[in-house]
């Protein structure tokens, strides 16, 4: 058994959630993120994660790193 009260404000219809009535776009986003290992979410959420030391969640710029003259 579990307490669902904390999640009730965030999920309006638990029955639909448990029955598998999901939006196709959300499932597609989840499937796409499975292969990358990166979290999915809106900008504010990702910004909060990247604000933690040593945590990069967005893809880095591709290619060789630019050398800085000393």
N, C-alpha and C. Protein backbone atom coordinates (compact mmCIF):
# COMPACT_ATOMS: atom_id res chain seq x y z
N UNK A 1 0.84 -1.18 0.00
CA UNK A 1 0.00 0.00 0.00
C UNK A 1 0.88 1.24 0.00
N UNK A 2 0.33 2.28 -0.52
CA UNK A 2 1.06 3.54 -0.58
C UNK A 2 0.11 4.70 -0.36
N UNK A 3 0.66 5.83 -0.02
CA UNK A 3 -0.13 7.04 0.17
C UNK A 3 -0.06 7.86 -1.11
N UNK A 4 -1.20 8.13 -1.71
CA UNK A 4 -1.21 8.89 -2.97
C UNK A 4 -1.53 10.36 -2.75
N UNK A 5 -1.84 10.75 -1.53
CA UNK A 5 -2.23 12.13 -1.26
C UNK A 5 -1.22 13.16 -1.77
N UNK A 6 0.11 12.96 -1.58
CA UNK A 6 1.05 13.98 -2.07
C UNK A 6 1.03 14.14 -3.59
N UNK A 7 0.66 13.11 -4.32
CA UNK A 7 0.68 13.17 -5.79
C UNK A 7 -0.65 13.64 -6.38
N UNK A 8 -1.70 13.66 -5.60
CA UNK A 8 -3.01 14.03 -6.14
C UNK A 8 -3.05 15.40 -6.81
N UNK A 9 -2.40 16.44 -6.26
CA UNK A 9 -2.42 17.73 -6.95
C UNK A 9 -1.70 17.72 -8.29
N UNK A 10 -0.73 16.81 -8.48
CA UNK A 10 0.04 16.77 -9.72
C UNK A 10 -0.58 15.88 -10.78
N UNK A 11 -1.28 14.83 -10.37
CA UNK A 11 -1.87 13.89 -11.31
C UNK A 11 -3.37 13.87 -11.07
N UNK A 12 -4.10 14.42 -12.01
CA UNK A 12 -5.55 14.58 -11.84
C UNK A 12 -6.30 13.25 -11.92
N UNK A 13 -5.87 12.36 -12.81
CA UNK A 13 -6.62 11.12 -13.03
C UNK A 13 -5.70 9.91 -12.90
N UNK A 14 -5.62 9.37 -11.68
CA UNK A 14 -4.76 8.21 -11.45
C UNK A 14 -5.21 6.99 -12.24
N UNK A 15 -6.51 6.83 -12.39
CA UNK A 15 -7.02 5.66 -13.12
C UNK A 15 -6.48 5.66 -14.55
N UNK A 16 -6.52 6.82 -15.21
CA UNK A 16 -6.01 6.91 -16.59
C UNK A 16 -4.50 6.65 -16.61
N UNK A 17 -3.80 7.12 -15.58
CA UNK A 17 -2.36 6.90 -15.51
C UNK A 17 -2.05 5.41 -15.39
N UNK A 18 -2.78 4.72 -14.53
CA UNK A 18 -2.53 3.31 -14.30
C UNK A 18 -3.07 2.43 -15.41
N UNK A 19 -4.12 2.87 -16.09
CA UNK A 19 -4.69 2.09 -17.18
C UNK A 19 -3.85 2.16 -18.45
N UNK A 20 -2.90 3.05 -18.49
CA UNK A 20 -2.04 3.16 -19.67
C UNK A 20 -2.56 4.15 -20.69
N UNK A 21 -3.48 5.02 -20.30
CA UNK A 21 -3.99 6.04 -21.20
C UNK A 21 -3.04 7.23 -21.14
N UNK A 22 -1.99 7.16 -21.94
CA UNK A 22 -0.97 8.21 -21.94
C UNK A 22 -0.95 8.93 -23.28
N UNK A 23 -0.41 10.10 -23.24
CA UNK A 23 -0.28 10.84 -24.48
C UNK A 23 0.85 10.24 -25.31
N UNK A 24 0.64 10.15 -26.59
CA UNK A 24 1.63 9.56 -27.49
C UNK A 24 2.94 10.34 -27.47
N UNK A 25 2.86 11.66 -27.37
CA UNK A 25 4.08 12.48 -27.37
C UNK A 25 4.92 12.21 -26.12
N UNK A 26 4.26 12.05 -24.98
CA UNK A 26 5.00 11.79 -23.75
C UNK A 26 5.71 10.45 -23.82
N UNK A 27 5.04 9.44 -24.34
CA UNK A 27 5.67 8.13 -24.47
C UNK A 27 6.84 8.17 -25.45
N UNK A 28 6.68 8.91 -26.53
CA UNK A 28 7.75 9.03 -27.51
C UNK A 28 8.96 9.73 -26.91
N UNK A 29 8.73 10.76 -26.10
CA UNK A 29 9.82 11.46 -25.44
C UNK A 29 10.54 10.54 -24.45
N UNK A 30 9.78 9.75 -23.71
CA UNK A 30 10.39 8.80 -22.78
C UNK A 30 11.22 7.76 -23.50
N UNK A 31 10.70 7.24 -24.60
CA UNK A 31 11.45 6.24 -25.37
C UNK A 31 12.72 6.84 -25.95
N UNK A 32 12.65 8.07 -26.40
CA UNK A 32 13.84 8.72 -26.95
C UNK A 32 14.90 8.97 -25.89
N UNK A 33 14.48 9.28 -24.67
CA UNK A 33 15.42 9.56 -23.59
C UNK A 33 16.06 8.30 -23.04
N UNK A 34 15.43 7.16 -23.25
CA UNK A 34 15.99 5.90 -22.75
C UNK A 34 17.37 5.63 -23.32
N UNK A 35 17.56 5.95 -24.58
CA UNK A 35 18.84 5.67 -25.22
C UNK A 35 19.94 6.64 -24.88
N UNK A 36 19.59 7.86 -24.49
CA UNK A 36 20.60 8.87 -24.21
C UNK A 36 21.02 8.89 -22.75
N UNK A 37 20.13 8.47 -21.87
CA UNK A 37 20.42 8.52 -20.44
C UNK A 37 20.26 9.91 -19.86
N UNK A 38 19.73 10.82 -20.65
CA UNK A 38 19.51 12.19 -20.16
C UNK A 38 18.08 12.35 -19.68
N UNK A 39 17.87 13.21 -18.67
CA UNK A 39 16.51 13.45 -18.21
C UNK A 39 15.73 14.28 -19.21
N UNK A 40 14.42 14.13 -19.17
CA UNK A 40 13.57 14.98 -20.00
C UNK A 40 12.82 15.92 -19.08
N UNK A 41 12.55 17.09 -19.57
CA UNK A 41 11.84 18.07 -18.77
C UNK A 41 11.92 19.43 -19.43
N UNK A 42 11.26 20.38 -18.81
CA UNK A 42 11.26 21.75 -19.32
C UNK A 42 12.56 22.45 -18.91
N UNK A 43 12.78 23.62 -19.48
CA UNK A 43 14.01 24.38 -19.27
C UNK A 43 14.34 24.64 -17.81
N UNK A 44 13.35 25.06 -17.03
CA UNK A 44 13.61 25.37 -15.61
C UNK A 44 14.08 24.13 -14.86
N UNK A 45 13.48 22.99 -15.15
CA UNK A 45 13.87 21.74 -14.50
C UNK A 45 15.32 21.38 -14.84
N UNK A 46 15.64 21.46 -16.13
CA UNK A 46 17.00 21.13 -16.57
C UNK A 46 18.01 22.14 -16.04
N UNK A 47 17.64 23.42 -15.97
CA UNK A 47 18.52 24.44 -15.41
C UNK A 47 18.83 24.13 -13.95
N UNK A 48 17.82 23.68 -13.21
CA UNK A 48 18.02 23.33 -11.81
C UNK A 48 18.98 22.17 -11.65
N UNK A 49 18.87 21.18 -12.53
CA UNK A 49 19.79 20.04 -12.47
C UNK A 49 21.21 20.46 -12.82
N UNK A 50 21.35 21.29 -13.84
CA UNK A 50 22.68 21.72 -14.26
C UNK A 50 23.31 22.69 -13.27
N UNK A 51 22.51 23.27 -12.40
CA UNK A 51 23.04 24.15 -11.36
C UNK A 51 23.81 23.39 -10.29
N UNK A 52 23.67 22.08 -10.26
CA UNK A 52 24.40 21.26 -9.29
C UNK A 52 25.82 21.04 -9.80
N UNK A 53 26.78 21.04 -8.89
CA UNK A 53 28.18 20.85 -9.31
C UNK A 53 28.39 19.50 -10.02
N UNK A 54 29.03 19.56 -11.17
CA UNK A 54 29.38 18.35 -11.91
C UNK A 54 28.22 17.66 -12.60
N UNK A 55 27.12 18.35 -12.76
CA UNK A 55 25.94 17.73 -13.38
C UNK A 55 25.64 18.40 -14.72
N UNK A 56 25.86 17.67 -15.81
CA UNK A 56 25.55 18.18 -17.14
C UNK A 56 24.45 17.30 -17.71
N UNK A 57 23.31 17.90 -18.04
CA UNK A 57 22.19 17.12 -18.55
C UNK A 57 21.87 17.41 -20.01
N UNK A 58 22.35 18.53 -20.51
CA UNK A 58 22.14 18.86 -21.92
C UNK A 58 23.37 18.43 -22.72
N UNK A 59 23.17 18.10 -23.98
CA UNK A 59 24.33 17.69 -24.79
C UNK A 59 25.34 18.83 -24.91
N UNK A 60 26.62 18.48 -24.86
CA UNK A 60 27.68 19.46 -25.02
C UNK A 60 27.88 19.76 -26.50
N UNK A 61 28.56 20.84 -26.79
CA UNK A 61 28.88 21.21 -28.17
C UNK A 61 29.77 20.13 -28.76
N UNK A 62 29.47 19.73 -29.98
CA UNK A 62 30.23 18.68 -30.64
C UNK A 62 31.51 19.21 -31.24
N UNK A 63 32.43 18.28 -31.48
CA UNK A 63 33.67 18.62 -32.13
C UNK A 63 34.81 18.82 -31.16
N UNK A 64 35.99 19.11 -31.69
CA UNK A 64 37.15 19.30 -30.82
C UNK A 64 37.00 20.56 -29.97
N UNK A 65 37.59 20.51 -28.79
CA UNK A 65 37.54 21.67 -27.89
C UNK A 65 38.44 22.77 -28.43
N UNK A 66 38.01 24.00 -28.25
CA UNK A 66 38.79 25.16 -28.69
C UNK A 66 39.95 25.35 -27.74
N UNK A 67 41.16 25.48 -28.31
CA UNK A 67 42.35 25.68 -27.48
C UNK A 67 42.43 27.16 -27.10
N UNK A 68 42.69 27.40 -25.83
CA UNK A 68 42.82 28.76 -25.31
C UNK A 68 44.30 29.09 -25.20
N UNK A 69 44.71 30.21 -25.80
CA UNK A 69 46.11 30.62 -25.75
C UNK A 69 46.43 31.07 -24.34
N UNK A 70 47.56 30.60 -23.82
CA UNK A 70 47.96 30.94 -22.45
C UNK A 70 48.81 32.16 -22.39
